[in-house]
Amino acid sequence: YLGGQSNMDGYGKNNELPDELKQINKDVHIFHGNPEGDDLPGGGLGLWTALQPGHGAGFQSDGASNSLSARFGVELSMARKLQELHPGERIALIKYSRGGTSIDSLATGVFGCWEPDFQGNTGINQYDHFLRTIHMAMNTPDIDGDGKADILVPAGIAWMQGEADASFTEEIAGRYYANLKRLMDLIRASLHSDDLPVVIGKISDSWNDSTDGKVWDHGELVQYAQEKYARRDGHAAIVRTTRYYKYSDPWHYDSEGYLDLGIRFAESLYELSLKNPYP
C-alpha cells in the first residue's frame, strides 16, 4: 500500500522518465483510489489496471475508468525494483494519497485529515477514502482480467507524509509520533496483519520559503517522530535519502527524487521481509 500526501501523489514529470519506465508494465497491476477532499463522496473509487505513467498528481478515477495525469510518483521505480528483488513474483500496488493532508485534525486546512474520528461536515475523511480504496481493491476477484481468481497477500506499507503536520504549531508537530503510530496500526489492521512492514519516507525541506527560508516550520519535530517510530516499531524502517533530493518547487521533489524514493522504498520493504517473511 502506498499512502500519504503530495510527495506520495508524485510530481515527477512523465516526459522526464527513462525509456524503460515510460512503457506499460503488464506484470504489475495498480489500484489507485480517487484522491478526494473530506466530506466528498467520490474518494477511493478506482479499478485495477496494468501499471503505467500517470499515477501522479492530477490522477482521477470514477471507478469505471481512470484519467491518467502527466505526473508520476514512487510507484514506477518501486515496482521495477520489487520485480528485480522478487523475480517471478506477481506484484500488485494499492495507492491512495492526497496532497496537503494531515494526520492531526488541527492541521487539516482545506486538504483533508487522516484521523479516523475527525467528523468535519459529513463525517467523511481521508481514512474513509482509504478504507474504500482497500475494500474495492481487495474485493476484486480477478485483478488482471485473465479469468482466474487472484489472491492478494498484503506485503507492506510505504508512507510519505508529515509535511502538513509540521507546518502549523509546535504542539501539533509534537503529537506526530502518537498520531503516526495509531494510523499505521489502523492501516495494518485494515490489511489484517498487525506486524506488516512499514517504511516511512522522512520529510525534508527545500529551504525555499520567501520569509525565513524554512518551508516546514516544525519539520525537525516530525522528523524526530518518524525516526522514533522506525526505531521503536519492530517491523518498520525509514528512508533518509530525501534530504539530498532536489525540488521542482518549494514543496515537491523533482523527477529524479521520486525515482530514487521508489527504489529506496522497495529495498527497505525487501529487507524487512527478510527479517519477517510474510505468508
Protein backbone atom coordinates (compact mmCIF):
# COMPACT_ATOMS: atom_id res chain seq x y z
CA TYR A 1 0.00 0.00 0.00
CA LEU A 2 1.27 3.47 -0.94
CA GLY A 3 -0.13 6.32 1.17
CA GLY A 4 0.46 9.87 2.35
CA GLN A 5 0.28 13.37 0.95
CA SER A 6 1.64 15.17 -2.11
CA ASN A 7 5.11 13.64 -2.23
CA MET A 8 3.36 10.28 -2.35
CA ASP A 9 1.00 11.61 -5.02
CA GLY A 10 4.11 12.42 -7.04
CA TYR A 11 5.10 15.48 -9.05
CA GLY A 12 7.60 13.75 -11.32
CA LYS A 13 7.13 14.60 -14.99
CA ASN A 14 6.28 11.72 -17.31
CA ASN A 15 8.33 13.23 -20.13
CA GLU A 16 11.43 13.04 -17.90
CA LEU A 17 11.12 9.30 -17.26
CA PRO A 18 13.80 6.92 -18.55
CA ASP A 19 12.60 4.94 -21.55
CA GLU A 20 12.22 1.68 -19.63
CA LEU A 21 9.65 3.28 -17.30
CA LYS A 22 7.59 5.00 -20.00
CA GLN A 23 6.02 1.72 -21.10
CA ILE A 24 3.06 -0.18 -19.65
CA ASN A 25 4.29 -2.72 -17.11
CA LYS A 26 1.94 -5.62 -17.83
CA ASP A 27 3.37 -7.69 -14.98
CA VAL A 28 2.43 -5.19 -12.26
CA HIS A 29 -1.10 -4.02 -11.53
CA ILE A 30 -2.22 -0.98 -9.56
CA PHE A 31 -5.44 0.09 -7.89
CA HIS A 32 -5.30 3.86 -7.43
CA GLY A 33 -8.13 5.23 -5.29
CA ASN A 34 -9.52 8.56 -6.45
CA PRO A 35 -7.98 11.36 -4.32
CA GLU A 36 -10.74 13.49 -2.87
CA GLY A 37 -11.22 16.02 -0.11
CA ASP A 38 -13.01 15.40 3.17
CA ASP A 39 -16.83 15.48 3.15
CA LEU A 40 -16.97 14.45 -0.53
CA PRO A 41 -18.33 11.07 -1.62
CA GLY A 42 -16.07 10.13 -4.55
CA GLY A 43 -12.85 9.37 -2.68
CA GLY A 44 -11.32 5.93 -3.05
CA LEU A 45 -13.11 4.93 -6.25
CA GLY A 46 -10.87 3.05 -8.67
CA LEU A 47 -10.17 -0.08 -10.67
CA TRP A 48 -7.25 -2.41 -11.28
CA THR A 49 -5.12 -1.68 -14.34
CA ALA A 50 -1.62 -2.50 -15.56
CA LEU A 51 0.92 -0.03 -14.20
CA GLN A 52 1.99 2.86 -16.43
CA PRO A 53 2.95 6.54 -16.06
CA GLY A 54 0.20 8.92 -15.00
CA HIS A 55 -0.50 7.85 -11.41
CA GLY A 56 0.95 11.07 -10.02
CA ALA A 57 -0.66 14.37 -9.03
CA GLY A 58 -3.74 15.07 -11.12
CA PHE A 59 -4.81 11.42 -11.41
CA GLN A 60 -8.56 10.80 -11.09
CA SER A 61 -10.91 7.83 -11.21
CA ASP A 62 -14.67 7.40 -11.14
CA GLY A 63 -14.47 3.66 -10.55
CA ALA A 64 -15.26 2.84 -14.17
CA SER A 65 -12.25 4.44 -15.86
CA ASN A 66 -9.05 6.19 -14.88
CA SER A 67 -7.90 9.61 -16.01
CA LEU A 68 -4.11 9.50 -16.04
CA SER A 69 -2.05 12.62 -15.41
CA ALA A 70 1.22 13.98 -16.78
CA ARG A 71 2.91 13.16 -13.45
CA PHE A 72 4.28 10.11 -11.67
CA GLY A 73 5.18 9.15 -8.11
CA VAL A 74 7.20 6.39 -6.48
CA GLU A 75 5.15 3.56 -7.99
CA LEU A 76 7.07 3.11 -11.27
CA SER A 77 10.61 2.69 -9.93
CA MET A 78 9.33 0.93 -6.83
CA ALA A 79 7.55 -1.70 -8.91
CA ARG A 80 10.56 -2.22 -11.17
CA LYS A 81 12.86 -2.66 -8.18
CA LEU A 82 10.45 -5.05 -6.48
CA GLN A 83 10.42 -7.14 -9.65
CA GLU A 84 14.21 -7.33 -9.50
CA LEU A 85 14.18 -8.28 -5.82
CA HIS A 86 11.34 -10.80 -6.17
CA PRO A 87 11.88 -12.44 -9.55
CA GLY A 88 8.86 -14.39 -10.73
CA GLU A 89 6.53 -12.90 -8.11
CA ARG A 90 3.34 -11.18 -9.19
CA ILE A 91 3.15 -7.66 -7.76
CA ALA A 92 0.10 -5.51 -7.06
CA LEU A 93 0.12 -1.95 -5.72
CA ILE A 94 -2.72 -0.16 -3.94
CA LYS A 95 -2.39 3.61 -3.77
CA TYR A 96 -4.40 6.26 -2.00
CA SER A 97 -2.84 9.59 -1.13
CA ARG A 98 -3.86 13.23 -1.24
CA GLY A 99 -1.72 16.34 -1.26
CA GLY A 100 -1.73 18.58 1.80
CA THR A 101 -3.43 16.09 4.10
CA SER A 102 -2.54 15.83 7.77
CA ILE A 103 -2.99 13.18 10.42
CA ASP A 104 -3.77 15.68 13.17
CA SER A 105 -7.24 17.19 12.80
CA LEU A 106 -5.98 20.64 13.82
CA ALA A 107 -3.70 20.70 10.76
CA THR A 108 -6.44 19.75 8.31
CA GLY A 109 -6.77 23.07 6.49
CA VAL A 110 -8.59 22.68 3.17
CA PHE A 111 -6.92 19.43 2.14
CA GLY A 112 -8.18 16.72 4.47
CA CYS A 113 -7.47 14.68 7.57
CA TRP A 114 -6.42 11.05 8.17
CA GLU A 115 -7.71 10.97 11.76
CA PRO A 116 -10.49 8.35 11.65
CA ASP A 117 -12.60 10.15 14.27
CA PHE A 118 -12.48 13.53 12.52
CA GLN A 119 -16.06 14.42 11.60
CA GLY A 120 -15.86 17.59 9.50
CA ASN A 121 -19.26 18.34 7.99
CA THR A 122 -20.35 14.90 6.83
CA GLY A 123 -18.09 12.52 8.77
CA ILE A 124 -16.22 11.54 5.59
CA ASN A 125 -12.45 11.97 5.90
CA GLN A 126 -9.24 10.66 4.34
CA TYR A 127 -9.33 7.47 6.37
CA ASP A 128 -12.77 6.73 4.94
CA HIS A 129 -11.44 7.25 1.41
CA PHE A 130 -8.55 4.93 2.24
CA LEU A 131 -10.92 2.25 3.53
CA ARG A 132 -12.99 2.41 0.36
CA THR A 133 -9.80 2.07 -1.69
CA ILE A 134 -8.75 -1.02 0.27
CA HIS A 135 -12.23 -2.54 0.19
CA MET A 136 -12.66 -2.14 -3.57
CA ALA A 137 -9.13 -3.31 -4.32
CA MET A 138 -9.17 -6.36 -2.06
CA ASN A 139 -12.65 -7.43 -3.15
CA THR A 140 -11.90 -7.55 -6.86
CA PRO A 141 -11.69 -11.30 -7.60
CA ASP A 142 -9.72 -11.05 -10.86
CA ILE A 143 -7.41 -8.04 -10.89
CA ASP A 144 -5.69 -8.73 -14.22
CA GLY A 145 -8.72 -9.86 -16.20
CA ASP A 146 -7.35 -13.27 -17.16
CA GLY A 147 -10.45 -15.11 -15.98
CA LYS A 148 -8.70 -16.62 -12.95
CA ALA A 149 -9.29 -15.57 -9.36
CA ASP A 150 -6.41 -13.75 -7.68
CA ILE A 151 -5.45 -13.83 -4.01
CA LEU A 152 -3.87 -10.62 -2.73
CA VAL A 153 -1.35 -11.07 0.09
CA PRO A 154 -0.51 -7.77 1.85
CA ALA A 155 3.27 -7.36 1.91
CA GLY A 156 3.99 -3.84 3.15
CA ILE A 157 3.14 -0.17 3.58
CA ALA A 158 5.06 2.79 2.15
CA TRP A 159 4.13 6.07 3.85
CA MET A 160 5.28 9.52 2.68
CA GLN A 161 3.62 12.21 4.77
CA GLY A 162 4.17 14.63 7.63
CA GLU A 163 4.82 17.95 5.95
CA ALA A 164 1.31 19.19 6.76
CA ASP A 165 1.64 18.28 10.43
CA ALA A 166 4.96 20.17 10.52
CA SER A 167 3.60 23.42 9.14
CA PHE A 168 1.25 24.70 11.86
CA THR A 169 2.24 24.69 15.54
CA GLU A 170 4.82 23.08 17.77
CA GLU A 171 2.04 21.29 19.66
CA ILE A 172 0.66 19.66 16.50
CA ALA A 173 4.11 18.57 15.36
CA GLY A 174 4.82 17.25 18.85
CA ARG A 175 1.86 14.88 18.57
CA TYR A 176 3.08 13.34 15.32
CA TYR A 177 4.61 10.20 16.81
CA ALA A 178 1.41 9.20 18.59
CA ASN A 179 -0.70 10.08 15.56
CA LEU A 180 1.56 8.18 13.17
CA LYS A 181 1.69 5.08 15.36
CA ARG A 182 -2.09 4.96 15.71
CA LEU A 183 -2.68 5.42 11.99
CA MET A 184 -0.14 2.79 10.96
CA ASP A 185 -1.71 0.36 13.46
CA LEU A 186 -5.12 1.01 11.92
CA ILE A 187 -3.84 0.62 8.36
CA ARG A 188 -2.18 -2.65 9.35
CA ALA A 189 -5.44 -3.80 10.91
CA SER A 190 -7.36 -2.98 7.75
CA LEU A 191 -4.95 -5.28 5.91
CA HIS A 192 -5.31 -7.99 8.60
CA SER A 193 -1.67 -8.03 9.67
CA ASP A 194 -0.54 -6.31 12.86
CA ASP A 195 3.15 -6.71 12.01
CA LEU A 196 3.01 -5.71 8.35
CA PRO A 197 6.27 -3.99 7.31
CA VAL A 198 6.07 -0.19 7.25
CA VAL A 199 8.60 2.07 5.54
CA ILE A 200 8.44 5.78 6.34
CA GLY A 201 9.77 8.39 3.95
CA LYS A 202 11.49 11.04 6.09
CA ILE A 203 10.30 14.54 5.27
CA SER A 204 12.86 17.11 4.17
CA ASP A 205 12.86 20.85 3.47
CA SER A 206 13.66 22.72 0.28
CA TRP A 207 14.60 25.83 2.30
CA ASN A 208 12.76 27.87 -0.30
CA ASP A 209 10.37 29.96 1.80
CA SER A 210 10.17 33.66 0.98
CA THR A 211 10.20 34.78 4.63
CA ASP A 212 12.72 32.74 6.62
CA GLY A 213 13.75 30.12 4.07
CA LYS A 214 12.20 27.27 6.08
CA VAL A 215 9.11 25.73 4.46
CA TRP A 216 8.10 23.37 7.30
CA ASP A 217 8.40 25.47 10.46
CA HIS A 218 8.38 22.47 12.81
CA GLY A 219 9.88 19.90 10.49
CA GLU A 220 12.52 18.74 12.96
CA LEU A 221 9.85 17.58 15.40
CA VAL A 222 8.13 15.49 12.74
CA GLN A 223 11.48 14.11 11.58
CA TYR A 224 12.28 13.13 15.17
CA ALA A 225 8.89 11.41 15.45
CA GLN A 226 9.49 9.50 12.22
CA GLU A 227 12.88 8.33 13.42
CA LYS A 228 11.36 7.36 16.78
CA TYR A 229 8.67 5.30 15.06
CA ALA A 230 11.16 3.47 12.85
CA ARG A 231 13.37 2.75 15.87
CA ARG A 232 10.62 1.59 18.24
CA ASP A 233 8.44 -0.42 15.89
CA GLY A 234 9.88 -3.87 15.32
CA HIS A 235 8.65 -4.05 11.72
CA ALA A 236 9.45 -0.57 10.39
CA ALA A 237 12.22 1.26 8.56
CA ILE A 238 12.87 4.80 7.37
CA VAL A 239 14.19 6.26 4.10
CA ARG A 240 16.56 9.15 4.75
CA THR A 241 17.88 9.93 1.26
CA THR A 242 15.11 12.54 0.88
CA ARG A 243 17.47 15.07 2.50
CA TYR A 244 19.57 15.06 -0.69
CA TYR A 245 16.73 15.44 -3.20
CA LYS A 246 16.33 18.48 -5.40
CA TYR A 247 12.96 20.21 -5.62
CA SER A 248 10.77 21.25 -8.54
CA ASP A 249 9.03 23.84 -6.31
CA PRO A 250 9.16 24.67 -2.58
CA TRP A 251 7.15 21.57 -1.62
CA HIS A 252 7.82 18.76 -4.10
CA TYR A 253 10.81 16.71 -5.22
CA ASP A 254 12.00 16.68 -8.82
CA SER A 255 11.60 13.66 -11.09
CA GLU A 256 14.93 12.16 -10.07
CA GLY A 257 13.90 12.30 -6.42
CA TYR A 258 10.73 10.28 -6.97
CA LEU A 259 12.64 7.66 -8.93
CA ASP A 260 15.15 7.25 -6.10
CA LEU A 261 12.46 7.26 -3.42
CA GLY A 262 10.61 4.42 -5.13
CA ILE A 263 13.78 2.33 -5.25
CA ARG A 264 14.53 3.04 -1.59
CA PHE A 265 11.00 2.07 -0.54
CA ALA A 266 11.34 -1.23 -2.43
CA GLU A 267 14.75 -2.01 -0.96
CA SER A 268 13.60 -1.26 2.59
CA LEU A 269 10.46 -3.37 2.23
CA TYR A 270 12.56 -6.20 0.87
CA GLU A 271 14.98 -6.02 3.81
CA LEU A 272 12.08 -6.03 6.26
CA SER A 273 10.54 -9.03 4.51
CA LEU A 274 13.75 -10.99 5.02
CA LYS A 275 13.57 -10.37 8.77
CA ASN A 276 9.86 -11.11 8.97
CA PRO A 277 8.72 -13.22 6.00
CA TYR A 278 5.08 -12.79 5.05
CA PRO A 279 2.94 -15.86 4.17
